[in-house]
PDB file of all heavy atoms in Angstrom:
ATOM      1  N   SER A   1       6.433 -19.289  -8.420  1.00  0.00           N
ATOM      2  CA  SER A   1       6.768 -20.518  -8.842  1.00  0.00           C
ATOM      3  C   SER A   1       5.642 -21.499  -8.512  1.00  0.00           C
ATOM      4  O   SER A   1       4.655 -21.192  -7.798  1.00  0.00           O
ATOM      5  CB  SER A   1       8.074 -21.012  -8.245  1.00  0.00           C
ATOM      6  OG  SER A   1       7.994 -21.030  -6.923  1.00  0.00           O
ATOM      7  N   GLY A   2       5.775 -22.727  -8.996  1.00  0.00           N
ATOM      8  CA  GLY A   2       4.684 -23.789  -8.785  1.00  0.00           C
ATOM      9  C   GLY A   2       3.525 -23.674  -9.634  1.00  0.00           C
ATOM     10  O   GLY A   2       3.550 -22.990 -10.670  1.00  0.00           O
ATOM     11  N   ALA A   3       2.469 -24.408  -9.208  1.00  0.00           N
ATOM     12  CA  ALA A   3       1.292 -24.571 -10.052  1.00  0.00           C
ATOM     13  C   ALA A   3       0.562 -23.286 -10.075  1.00  0.00           C
ATOM     14  O   ALA A   3       0.562 -22.413  -9.030  1.00  0.00           O
ATOM     15  CB  ALA A   3       0.548 -25.746  -9.592  1.00  0.00           C
ATOM     16  N   VAL A   4      -0.162 -22.947 -11.130  1.00  0.00           N
ATOM     17  CA  VAL A   4      -1.057 -21.767 -11.110  1.00  0.00           C
ATOM     18  C   VAL A   4      -2.291 -21.975 -10.396  1.00  0.00           C
ATOM     19  O   VAL A   4      -3.078 -23.043 -10.444  1.00  0.00           O
ATOM     20  CB  VAL A   4      -1.381 -21.529 -12.639  1.00  0.00           C
ATOM     21  CG1 VAL A   4      -2.386 -20.258 -12.715  1.00  0.00           C
ATOM     22  CG2 VAL A   4      -0.127 -21.179 -13.468  1.00  0.00           C
ATOM     23  N   ARG A   5      -2.568 -21.185  -9.384  1.00  0.00           N
ATOM     24  CA  ARG A   5      -3.770 -21.096  -8.638  1.00  0.00           C
ATOM     25  C   ARG A   5      -4.722 -20.089  -9.217  1.00  0.00           C
ATOM     26  O   ARG A   5      -4.435 -19.226 -10.035  1.00  0.00           O
ATOM     27  CB  ARG A   5      -3.484 -20.600  -7.211  1.00  0.00           C
ATOM     28  CG  ARG A   5      -2.351 -21.308  -6.552  1.00  0.00           C
ATOM     29  CD  ARG A   5      -2.245 -20.932  -5.080  1.00  0.00           C
ATOM     30  NE  ARG A   5      -0.994 -21.512  -4.498  1.00  0.00           N
ATOM     31  CZ  ARG A   5      -0.745 -21.506  -3.261  1.00  0.00           C
ATOM     32  NH1 ARG A   5      -1.557 -20.718  -2.432  1.00  0.00           N
ATOM     33  NH2 ARG A   5       0.280 -21.947  -2.681  1.00  0.00           N
ATOM     34  N   THR A   6      -6.099 -20.323  -9.067  1.00  0.00           N
ATOM     35  CA  THR A   6      -7.091 -19.417  -9.639  1.00  0.00           C
ATOM     36  C   THR A   6      -7.808 -18.919  -8.559  1.00  0.00           C
ATOM     37  O   THR A   6      -8.423 -19.695  -7.623  1.00  0.00           O
ATOM     38  CB  THR A   6      -7.952 -20.224 -10.669  1.00  0.00           C
ATOM     39  OG1 THR A   6      -7.038 -20.713 -11.740  1.00  0.00           O
ATOM     40  CG2 THR A   6      -8.991 -19.327 -11.267  1.00  0.00           C
ATOM     41  N   ALA A   7      -8.144 -17.596  -8.716  1.00  0.00           N
ATOM     42  CA  ALA A   7      -9.036 -17.021  -7.704  1.00  0.00           C
ATOM     43  C   ALA A   7     -10.040 -16.135  -8.381  1.00  0.00           C
ATOM     44  O   ALA A   7      -9.638 -15.515  -9.332  1.00  0.00           O
ATOM     45  CB  ALA A   7      -8.185 -16.175  -6.666  1.00  0.00           C
ATOM     46  N   ARG A   8     -11.328 -16.151  -7.995  1.00  0.00           N
ATOM     47  CA  ARG A   8     -12.307 -15.358  -8.584  1.00  0.00           C
ATOM     48  C   ARG A   8     -12.437 -14.151  -7.689  1.00  0.00           C
ATOM     49  O   ARG A   8     -12.723 -14.278  -6.481  1.00  0.00           O
ATOM     50  CB  ARG A   8     -13.722 -16.085  -8.755  1.00  0.00           C
ATOM     51  CG  ARG A   8     -14.784 -15.247  -9.098  1.00  0.00           C
ATOM     52  CD  ARG A   8     -15.920 -15.874  -9.807  1.00  0.00           C
ATOM     53  NE  ARG A   8     -15.567 -16.043 -11.130  1.00  0.00           N
ATOM     54  CZ  ARG A   8     -16.356 -16.512 -12.129  1.00  0.00           C
ATOM     55  NH1 ARG A   8     -17.645 -16.489 -11.837  1.00  0.00           N
ATOM     56  NH2 ARG A   8     -15.993 -16.673 -13.386  1.00  0.00           N
ATOM     57  N   LEU A   9     -12.277 -12.963  -8.260  1.00  0.00           N
ATOM     58  CA  LEU A   9     -12.345 -11.631  -7.549  1.00  0.00           C
ATOM     59  C   LEU A   9     -13.476 -10.851  -8.109  1.00  0.00           C
ATOM     60  O   LEU A   9     -13.903 -10.967  -9.219  1.00  0.00           O
ATOM     61  CB  LEU A   9     -10.997 -10.937  -7.661  1.00  0.00           C
ATOM     62  CG  LEU A   9      -9.796 -11.452  -6.890  1.00  0.00           C
ATOM     63  CD1 LEU A   9      -9.217 -12.744  -7.466  1.00  0.00           C
ATOM     64  CD2 LEU A   9      -8.656 -10.354  -6.858  1.00  0.00           C
ATOM     65  N   HIS A  10     -13.933  -9.897  -7.322  1.00  0.00           N
ATOM     66  CA  HIS A  10     -15.044  -8.995  -7.768  1.00  0.00           C
ATOM     67  C   HIS A  10     -14.455  -7.489  -7.564  1.00  0.00           C
ATOM     68  O   HIS A  10     -13.993  -7.153  -6.528  1.00  0.00           O
ATOM     69  CB  HIS A  10     -16.221  -9.081  -7.040  1.00  0.00           C
ATOM     70  CG  HIS A  10     -17.019 -10.364  -7.326  1.00  0.00           C
ATOM     71  ND1 HIS A  10     -16.706 -11.525  -6.632  1.00  0.00           N
ATOM     72  CD2 HIS A  10     -18.064 -10.668  -8.170  1.00  0.00           C
ATOM     73  CE1 HIS A  10     -17.564 -12.453  -7.100  1.00  0.00           C
ATOM     74  NE2 HIS A  10     -18.244 -11.951  -8.016  1.00  0.00           N
ATOM     75  N   ARG A  11     -14.321  -6.829  -8.762  1.00  0.00           N
ATOM     76  CA  ARG A  11     -13.671  -5.525  -8.725  1.00  0.00           C
ATOM     77  C   ARG A  11     -14.426  -4.513  -7.804  1.00  0.00           C
ATOM     78  O   ARG A  11     -15.618  -4.685  -7.560  1.00  0.00           O
ATOM     79  CB  ARG A  11     -13.781  -4.863 -10.157  1.00  0.00           C
ATOM     80  CG  ARG A  11     -13.038  -5.727 -11.258  1.00  0.00           C
ATOM     81  CD  ARG A  11     -13.175  -5.118 -12.518  1.00  0.00           C
ATOM     82  NE  ARG A  11     -12.597  -5.737 -13.699  1.00  0.00           N
ATOM     83  CZ  ARG A  11     -13.129  -6.783 -14.355  1.00  0.00           C
ATOM     84  NH1 ARG A  11     -14.246  -7.245 -14.138  1.00  0.00           N
ATOM     85  NH2 ARG A  11     -12.328  -7.381 -15.373  1.00  0.00           N
ATOM     86  N   ALA A  12     -13.645  -3.634  -7.231  1.00  0.00           N
ATOM     87  CA  ALA A  12     -14.273  -2.642  -6.264  1.00  0.00           C
ATOM     88  C   ALA A  12     -13.739  -1.286  -6.594  1.00  0.00           C
ATOM     89  O   ALA A  12     -12.587  -1.039  -7.133  1.00  0.00           O
ATOM     90  CB  ALA A  12     -13.876  -3.106  -4.873  1.00  0.00           C
ATOM     91  N   ALA A  13     -14.525  -0.260  -6.332  1.00  0.00           N
ATOM     92  CA  ALA A  13     -14.110   0.993  -6.347  1.00  0.00           C
ATOM     93  C   ALA A  13     -13.169   1.373  -5.124  1.00  0.00           C
ATOM     94  O   ALA A  13     -13.588   1.239  -4.035  1.00  0.00           O
ATOM     95  CB  ALA A  13     -15.284   2.017  -6.407  1.00  0.00           C
ATOM     96  N   MET A  14     -12.070   1.955  -5.413  1.00  0.00           N
ATOM     97  CA  MET A  14     -11.031   2.027  -4.377  1.00  0.00           C
ATOM     98  C   MET A  14     -10.402   3.460  -4.407  1.00  0.00           C
ATOM     99  O   MET A  14     -10.360   4.072  -5.531  1.00  0.00           O
ATOM    100  CB  MET A  14     -10.017   0.994  -4.539  1.00  0.00           C
ATOM    101  CG  MET A  14     -10.579  -0.374  -4.530  1.00  0.00           C
ATOM    102  SD  MET A  14      -9.298  -1.723  -4.579  1.00  0.00           S
ATOM    103  CE  MET A  14      -8.646  -1.542  -2.940  1.00  0.00           C
ATOM    104  N   LEU A  15      -9.871   3.824  -3.356  1.00  0.00           N
ATOM    105  CA  LEU A  15      -8.856   4.985  -3.320  1.00  0.00           C
ATOM    106  C   LEU A  15      -7.505   4.354  -2.976  1.00  0.00           C
ATOM    107  O   LEU A  15      -7.246   3.653  -2.125  1.00  0.00           O
ATOM    108  CB  LEU A  15      -9.226   5.869  -2.073  1.00  0.00           C
ATOM    109  CG  LEU A  15     -10.489   6.846  -2.304  1.00  0.00           C
ATOM    110  CD1 LEU A  15     -10.683   7.581  -1.057  1.00  0.00           C
ATOM    111  CD2 LEU A  15     -10.010   7.922  -3.444  1.00  0.00           C
ATOM    112  N   ALA A  16      -6.567   4.869  -3.895  1.00  0.00           N
ATOM    113  CA  ALA A  16      -5.139   4.243  -3.726  1.00  0.00           C
ATOM    114  C   ALA A  16      -4.553   4.738  -2.412  1.00  0.00           C
ATOM    115  O   ALA A  16      -4.707   6.010  -2.078  1.00  0.00           O
ATOM    116  CB  ALA A  16      -4.332   4.807  -4.854  1.00  0.00           C
ATOM    117  N   GLN A  17      -3.909   3.809  -1.732  1.00  0.00           N
ATOM    118  CA  GLN A  17      -3.225   4.170  -0.609  1.00  0.00           C
ATOM    119  C   GLN A  17      -1.734   4.216  -0.964  1.00  0.00           C
ATOM    120  O   GLN A  17      -1.058   3.376  -1.218  1.00  0.00           O
ATOM    121  CB  GLN A  17      -3.336   3.124   0.463  1.00  0.00           C
ATOM    122  CG  GLN A  17      -4.742   2.974   1.067  1.00  0.00           C
ATOM    123  CD  GLN A  17      -5.346   4.070   1.715  1.00  0.00           C
ATOM    124  OE1 GLN A  17      -4.614   4.767   2.494  1.00  0.00           O
ATOM    125  NE2 GLN A  17      -6.547   4.544   1.473  1.00  0.00           N
ATOM    126  N   THR A  18      -1.266   5.483  -1.054  1.00  0.00           N
ATOM    127  CA  THR A  18       0.079   5.793  -1.538  1.00  0.00           C
ATOM    128  C   THR A  18       1.085   6.028  -0.297  1.00  0.00           C
ATOM    129  O   THR A  18       2.318   6.144  -0.574  1.00  0.00           O
ATOM    130  CB  THR A  18       0.238   7.007  -2.491  1.00  0.00           C
ATOM    131  OG1 THR A  18      -0.340   8.149  -1.857  1.00  0.00           O
ATOM    132  CG2 THR A  18      -0.674   6.755  -3.655  1.00  0.00           C
ATOM    133  N   VAL A  19       0.583   6.085   0.842  1.00  0.00           N
ATOM    134  CA  VAL A  19       1.449   6.265   2.011  1.00  0.00           C
ATOM    135  C   VAL A  19       1.314   5.184   3.079  1.00  0.00           C
ATOM    136  O   VAL A  19       0.180   4.825   3.508  1.00  0.00           O
ATOM    137  CB  VAL A  19       1.150   7.601   2.745  1.00  0.00           C
ATOM    138  CG1 VAL A  19       1.981   7.844   3.872  1.00  0.00           C
ATOM    139  CG2 VAL A  19       1.329   8.822   1.705  1.00  0.00           C
ATOM    140  N   THR A  20       2.402   4.494   3.440  1.00  0.00           N
ATOM    141  CA  THR A  20       2.376   3.467   4.402  1.00  0.00           C
ATOM    142  C   THR A  20       3.433   3.785   5.444  1.00  0.00           C
ATOM    143  O   THR A  20       4.529   4.150   5.215  1.00  0.00           O
ATOM    144  CB  THR A  20       2.760   2.131   3.676  1.00  0.00           C
ATOM    145  OG1 THR A  20       1.958   1.949   2.497  1.00  0.00           O
ATOM    146  CG2 THR A  20       2.628   0.963   4.612  1.00  0.00           C
ATOM    147  N   THR A  21       3.084   3.381   6.676  1.00  0.00           N
ATOM    148  CA  THR A  21       4.023   3.669   7.775  1.00  0.00           C
ATOM    149  C   THR A  21       4.115   2.352   8.614  1.00  0.00           C
ATOM    150  O   THR A  21       3.159   1.605   8.695  1.00  0.00           O
ATOM    151  CB  THR A  21       3.652   4.844   8.717  1.00  0.00           C
ATOM    152  OG1 THR A  21       2.309   4.416   9.323  1.00  0.00           O
ATOM    153  CG2 THR A  21       3.281   6.071   7.967  1.00  0.00           C
ATOM    154  N   ARG A  22       5.259   2.282   9.297  1.00  0.00           N
ATOM    155  CA  ARG A  22       5.447   1.232  10.337  1.00  0.00           C
ATOM    156  C   ARG A  22       6.524   1.673  11.319  1.00  0.00           C
ATOM    157  O   ARG A  22       7.420   2.587  10.935  1.00  0.00           O
ATOM    158  CB  ARG A  22       5.669  -0.050   9.642  1.00  0.00           C
ATOM    159  CG  ARG A  22       7.146  -0.263   9.119  1.00  0.00           C
ATOM    160  CD  ARG A  22       7.410  -1.762   8.886  1.00  0.00           C
ATOM    161  NE  ARG A  22       8.808  -1.856   8.292  1.00  0.00           N
ATOM    162  CZ  ARG A  22       9.050  -2.062   7.075  1.00  0.00           C
ATOM    163  NH1 ARG A  22       8.152  -2.171   6.218  1.00  0.00           N
ATOM    164  NH2 ARG A  22      10.346  -2.364   6.693  1.00  0.00           N
ATOM    165  N   ALA A  23       6.533   1.125  12.567  1.00  0.00           N
ATOM    166  CA  ALA A  23       7.589   1.519  13.444  1.00  0.00           C
ATOM    167  C   ALA A  23       8.736   0.591  13.276  1.00  0.00           C
ATOM    168  O   ALA A  23       8.599  -0.537  12.936  1.00  0.00           O
ATOM    169  CB  ALA A  23       6.953   1.391  14.859  1.00  0.00           C
ATOM    170  N   MET A  24      10.010   1.198  13.469  1.00  0.00           N
ATOM    171  CA  MET A  24      11.097   0.469  13.424  1.00  0.00           C
ATOM    172  C   MET A  24      11.832   0.481  14.774  1.00  0.00           C
ATOM    173  O   MET A  24      10.995   0.738  15.779  1.00  0.00           O
ATOM    174  CB  MET A  24      12.218   1.171  12.381  1.00  0.00           C
ATOM    175  CG  MET A  24      11.494   1.162  10.947  1.00  0.00           C
ATOM    176  SD  MET A  24      12.539   1.990   9.736  1.00  0.00           S
ATOM    177  CE  MET A  24      13.985   1.003   9.614  1.00  0.00           C
ATOM    178  N   THR A  25      13.006   0.136  14.807  1.00  0.00           N
ATOM    179  CA  THR A  25      13.667  -0.012  16.187  1.00  0.00           C
ATOM    180  C   THR A  25      14.163   1.421  16.675  1.00  0.00           C
ATOM    181  O   THR A  25      14.196   2.343  15.842  1.00  0.00           O
ATOM    182  CB  THR A  25      14.859  -0.947  16.190  1.00  0.00           C
ATOM    183  OG1 THR A  25      15.765  -0.579  15.193  1.00  0.00           O
ATOM    184  CG2 THR A  25      14.417  -2.369  15.824  1.00  0.00           C
ATOM    185  N   ASN A  26      14.370   1.468  17.937  1.00  0.00           N
ATOM    186  CA  ASN A  26      14.989   2.653  18.526  1.00  0.00           C
ATOM    187  C   ASN A  26      14.158   4.046  18.283  1.00  0.00           C
ATOM    188  O   ASN A  26      14.688   5.167  18.063  1.00  0.00           O
ATOM    189  CB  ASN A  26      16.402   2.869  17.963  1.00  0.00           C
ATOM    190  CG  ASN A  26      17.237   1.703  18.318  1.00  0.00           C
ATOM    191  OD1 ASN A  26      17.123   1.136  19.380  1.00  0.00           O
ATOM    192  ND2 ASN A  26      18.207   1.352  17.480  1.00  0.00           N
ATOM    193  N   GLY A  27      12.950   3.903  18.020  1.00  0.00           N
ATOM    194  CA  GLY A  27      12.048   5.072  17.980  1.00  0.00           C
ATOM    195  C   GLY A  27      12.052   5.686  16.521  1.00  0.00           C
ATOM    196  O   GLY A  27      11.573   6.805  16.307  1.00  0.00           O
ATOM    197  N   VAL A  28      12.603   4.942  15.524  1.00  0.00           N
ATOM    198  CA  VAL A  28      12.523   5.482  14.216  1.00  0.00           C
ATOM    199  C   VAL A  28      11.346   4.933  13.422  1.00  0.00           C
ATOM    200  O   VAL A  28      10.893   3.860  13.601  1.00  0.00           O
ATOM    201  CB  VAL A  28      13.773   5.025  13.469  1.00  0.00           C
ATOM    202  CG1 VAL A  28      13.745   5.413  11.990  1.00  0.00           C
ATOM    203  CG2 VAL A  28      15.059   5.555  14.130  1.00  0.00           C
ATOM    204  N   SER A  29      10.766   5.849  12.599  1.00  0.00           N
ATOM    205  CA  SER A  29       9.543   5.466  11.825  1.00  0.00           C
ATOM    206  C   SER A  29       9.883   5.447  10.317  1.00  0.00           C
ATOM    207  O   SER A  29      10.610   6.141   9.913  1.00  0.00           O
ATOM    208  CB  SER A  29       8.436   6.440  12.031  1.00  0.00           C
ATOM    209  OG  SER A  29       8.021   6.485  13.433  1.00  0.00           O
ATOM    210  N   TRP A  30       9.235   4.524   9.637  1.00  0.00           N
ATOM    211  CA  TRP A  30       9.455   4.199   8.288  1.00  0.00           C
ATOM    212  C   TRP A  30       8.191   4.632   7.526  1.00  0.00           C
ATOM    213  O   TRP A  30       7.139   4.297   7.928  1.00  0.00           O
ATOM    214  CB  TRP A  30       9.830   2.787   7.980  1.00  0.00           C
ATOM    215  CG  TRP A  30       9.853   2.312   6.656  1.00  0.00           C
ATOM    216  CD1 TRP A  30      10.934   2.299   5.739  1.00  0.00           C
ATOM    217  CD2 TRP A  30       8.877   1.643   5.735  1.00  0.00           C
ATOM    218  NE1 TRP A  30      10.742   1.847   4.566  1.00  0.00           N
ATOM    219  CE2 TRP A  30       9.379   1.288   4.655  1.00  0.00           C
ATOM    220  CE3 TRP A  30       7.568   1.306   5.919  1.00  0.00           C
ATOM    221  CZ2 TRP A  30       8.611   0.752   3.527  1.00  0.00           C
ATOM    222  CZ3 TRP A  30       6.761   0.732   5.029  1.00  0.00           C
ATOM    223  CH2 TRP A  30       7.377   0.585   3.747  1.00  0.00           C
ATOM    224  N   ILE A  31       8.444   5.498   6.557  1.00  0.00           N
ATOM    225  CA  ILE A  31       7.173   5.913   5.747  1.00  0.00           C
ATOM    226  C   ILE A  31       7.542   5.791   4.252  1.00  0.00           C
ATOM    227  O   ILE A  31       8.553   6.264   3.716  1.00  0.00           O
ATOM    228  CB  ILE A  31       7.014   7.504   6.007  1.00  0.00           C
ATOM    229  CG1 ILE A  31       6.704   7.786   7.508  1.00  0.00           C
ATOM    230  CG2 ILE A  31       5.879   7.913   5.099  1.00  0.00           C
ATOM    231  CD1 ILE A  31       6.500   9.267   7.753  1.00  0.00           C
ATOM    232  N   GLN A  32       6.685   5.024   3.598  1.00  0.00           N
ATOM    233  CA  GLN A  32       6.874   4.667   2.231  1.00  0.00           C
ATOM    234  C   GLN A  32       5.836   5.528   1.434  1.00  0.00           C
ATOM    235  O   GLN A  32       4.619   5.570   1.706  1.00  0.00           O
ATOM    236  CB  GLN A  32       6.789   3.307   1.808  1.00  0.00           C
ATOM    237  CG  GLN A  32       6.903   3.000   0.416  1.00  0.00           C
ATOM    238  CD  GLN A  32       6.648   1.483   0.105  1.00  0.00           C
ATOM    239  OE1 GLN A  32       5.669   0.850   0.550  1.00  0.00           O
ATOM    240  NE2 GLN A  32       7.414   0.899  -0.765  1.00  0.00           N
ATOM    241  N   VAL A  33       6.304   6.303   0.349  1.00  0.00           N
ATOM    242  CA  VAL A  33       5.349   6.930  -0.640  1.00  0.00           C
ATOM    243  C   VAL A  33       5.548   6.094  -1.802  1.00  0.00           C
ATOM    244  O   VAL A  33       6.654   6.172  -2.581  1.00  0.00           O
ATOM    245  CB  VAL A  33       5.834   8.261  -0.828  1.00  0.00           C
ATOM    246  CG1 VAL A  33       4.854   8.983  -1.735  1.00  0.00           C
ATOM    247  CG2 VAL A  33       5.723   9.073   0.656  1.00  0.00           C
ATOM    248  N   SER A  34       4.531   5.429  -2.416  1.00  0.00           N
ATOM    249  CA  SER A  34       4.524   4.560  -3.406  1.00  0.00           C
ATOM    250  C   SER A  34       4.230   5.253  -4.821  1.00  0.00           C
ATOM    251  O   SER A  34       4.649   4.729  -5.855  1.00  0.00           O
ATOM    252  CB  SER A  34       3.646   3.411  -3.285  1.00  0.00           C
ATOM    253  OG  SER A  34       2.349   3.796  -3.212  1.00  0.00           O
ATOM    254  N   ALA A  35       3.612   6.435  -4.709  1.00  0.00           N
ATOM    255  CA  ALA A  35       3.225   7.291  -5.907  1.00  0.00           C
ATOM    256  C   ALA A  35       2.782   8.635  -5.431  1.00  0.00           C
ATOM    257  O   ALA A  35       2.483   8.866  -4.192  1.00  0.00           O
ATOM    258  CB  ALA A  35       2.182   6.592  -6.739  1.00  0.00           C
ATOM    259  N   PHE A  36       2.804   9.572  -6.283  1.00  0.00           N
ATOM    260  CA  PHE A  36       2.259  10.926  -5.884  1.00  0.00           C
ATOM    261  C   PHE A  36       0.886  11.106  -6.522  1.00  0.00           C
ATOM    262  O   PHE A  36       0.918  11.460  -7.753  1.00  0.00           O
ATOM    263  CB  PHE A  36       3.372  11.969  -6.245  1.00  0.00           C
ATOM    264  CG  PHE A  36       4.612  11.866  -5.537  1.00  0.00           C
ATOM    265  CD1 PHE A  36       5.644  11.155  -5.985  1.00  0.00           C
ATOM    266  CD2 PHE A  36       4.750  12.482  -4.252  1.00  0.00           C
ATOM    267  CE1 PHE A  36       6.864  11.030  -5.181  1.00  0.00           C
ATOM    268  CE2 PHE A  36       5.856  12.339  -3.464  1.00  0.00           C
ATOM    269  CZ  PHE A  36       6.890  11.579  -3.953  1.00  0.00           C
ATOM    270  N   GLU A  37      -0.150  11.037  -5.877  1.00  0.00           N
ATOM    271  CA  GLU A  37      -1.477  11.262  -6.316  1.00  0.00           C
ATOM    272  C   GLU A  37      -2.175  12.257  -5.559  1.00  0.00           C
ATOM    273  O   GLU A  37      -1.542  12.937  -4.724  1.00  0.00           O
ATOM    274  CB  GLU A  37      -2.137   9.864  -6.293  1.00  0.00           C
ATOM    275  CG  GLU A  37      -1.526   8.940  -7.238  1.00  0.00           C
ATOM    276  CD  GLU A  37      -2.214   7.495  -7.121  1.00  0.00           C
ATOM    277  OE1 GLU A  37      -3.053   7.181  -6.295  1.00  0.00           O
ATOM    278  OE2 GLU A  37      -1.918   6.691  -8.031  1.00  0.00           O
ATOM    279  N   GLY A  38      -3.446  12.615  -5.883  1.00  0.00           N
ATOM    280  CA  GLY A  38      -4.208  13.726  -5.346  1.00  0.00           C
ATOM    281  C   GLY A  38      -4.171  13.758  -3.786  1.00  0.00           C
ATOM    282  O   GLY A  38      -4.184  14.906  -3.256  1.00  0.00           O
ATOM    283  N   ARG A  39      -4.148  12.589  -3.098  1.00  0.00           N
ATOM    284  CA  ARG A  39      -4.275  12.814  -1.613  1.00  0.00           C
ATOM    285  C   ARG A  39      -2.947  12.340  -0.912  1.00  0.00           C
ATOM    286  O   ARG A  39      -2.959  12.250   0.200  1.00  0.00           O
ATOM    287  CB  ARG A  39      -5.441  11.583  -1.210  1.00  0.00           C
ATOM    288  CG  ARG A  39      -6.798  12.079  -1.537  1.00  0.00           C
ATOM    289  CD  ARG A  39      -7.824  10.993  -0.916  1.00  0.00           C
ATOM    290  NE  ARG A  39      -7.665  10.948   0.485  1.00  0.00           N
ATOM    291  CZ  ARG A  39      -8.115  11.751   1.382  1.00  0.00           C
ATOM    292  NH1 ARG A  39      -8.864  12.809   0.977  1.00  0.00           N
ATOM    293  NH2 ARG A  39      -7.918  11.527   2.607  1.00  0.00           N
ATOM    294  N   THR A  40      -1.880  12.211  -1.711  1.00  0.00           N
ATOM    295  CA  THR A  40      -0.714  11.768  -1.140  1.00  0.00           C
ATOM    296  C   THR A  40      -0.138  12.695  -0.035  1.00  0.00           C
ATOM    297  O   THR A  40       0.256  12.269   1.140  1.00  0.00           O
ATOM    298  CB  THR A  40       0.435  11.630  -2.138  1.00  0.00           C
ATOM    299  OG1 THR A  40       0.015  10.641  -3.154  1.00  0.00           O
ATOM    300  CG2 THR A  40       1.812  11.135  -1.600  1.00  0.00           C
ATOM    301  N   ALA A  41      -0.106  13.995  -0.173  1.00  0.00           N
ATOM    302  CA  ALA A  41       0.299  15.013   0.853  1.00  0.00           C
ATOM    303  C   ALA A  41      -0.600  14.939   1.962  1.00  0.00           C
ATOM    304  O   ALA A  41      -0.148  14.911   3.044  1.00  0.00           O
ATOM    305  CB  ALA A  41       0.527  16.388   0.276  1.00  0.00           C
ATOM    306  N   HIS A  42      -1.980  14.845   1.693  1.00  0.00           N
ATOM    307  CA  HIS A  42      -2.872  14.722   2.785  1.00  0.00           C
ATOM    308  C   HIS A  42      -2.613  13.521   3.694  1.00  0.00           C
ATOM    309  O   HIS A  42      -2.660  13.638   4.897  1.00  0.00           O
ATOM    310  CB  HIS A  42      -4.285  14.798   2.200  1.00  0.00           C
ATOM    311  CG  HIS A  42      -5.344  14.576   3.323  1.00  0.00           C
ATOM    312  ND1 HIS A  42      -5.830  13.299   3.707  1.00  0.00           N
ATOM    313  CD2 HIS A  42      -6.218  15.370   3.896  1.00  0.00           C
ATOM    314  CE1 HIS A  42      -6.730  13.445   4.695  1.00  0.00           C
ATOM    315  NE2 HIS A  42      -6.961  14.721   4.805  1.00  0.00           N
ATOM    316  N   ASP A  43      -2.423  12.348   3.040  1.00  0.00           N
ATOM    317  CA  ASP A  43      -2.233  11.046   3.797  1.00  0.00           C
ATOM    318  C   ASP A  43      -0.831  11.170   4.445  1.00  0.00           C
ATOM    319  O   ASP A  43      -0.738  10.500   5.556  1.00  0.00           O
ATOM    320  CB  ASP A  43      -2.249   9.931   2.725  1.00  0.00           C
ATOM    321  CG  ASP A  43      -3.588   9.721   2.225  1.00  0.00           C
ATOM    322  OD1 ASP A  43      -4.567  10.129   2.697  1.00  0.00           O
ATOM    323  OD2 ASP A  43      -3.767   9.000   1.213  1.00  0.00           O
TER     324      ASP A  43
END
């Protein structure tokens, strides 16, 4: 919402990060898999 902001960005060659982790409470870990790509199992 609100006014449109403008940002100038420069494209970059990237490797998709499809696996994200974070610590939760009581020793439980959260792992998100956002897509299944070539390095997903490795990551």
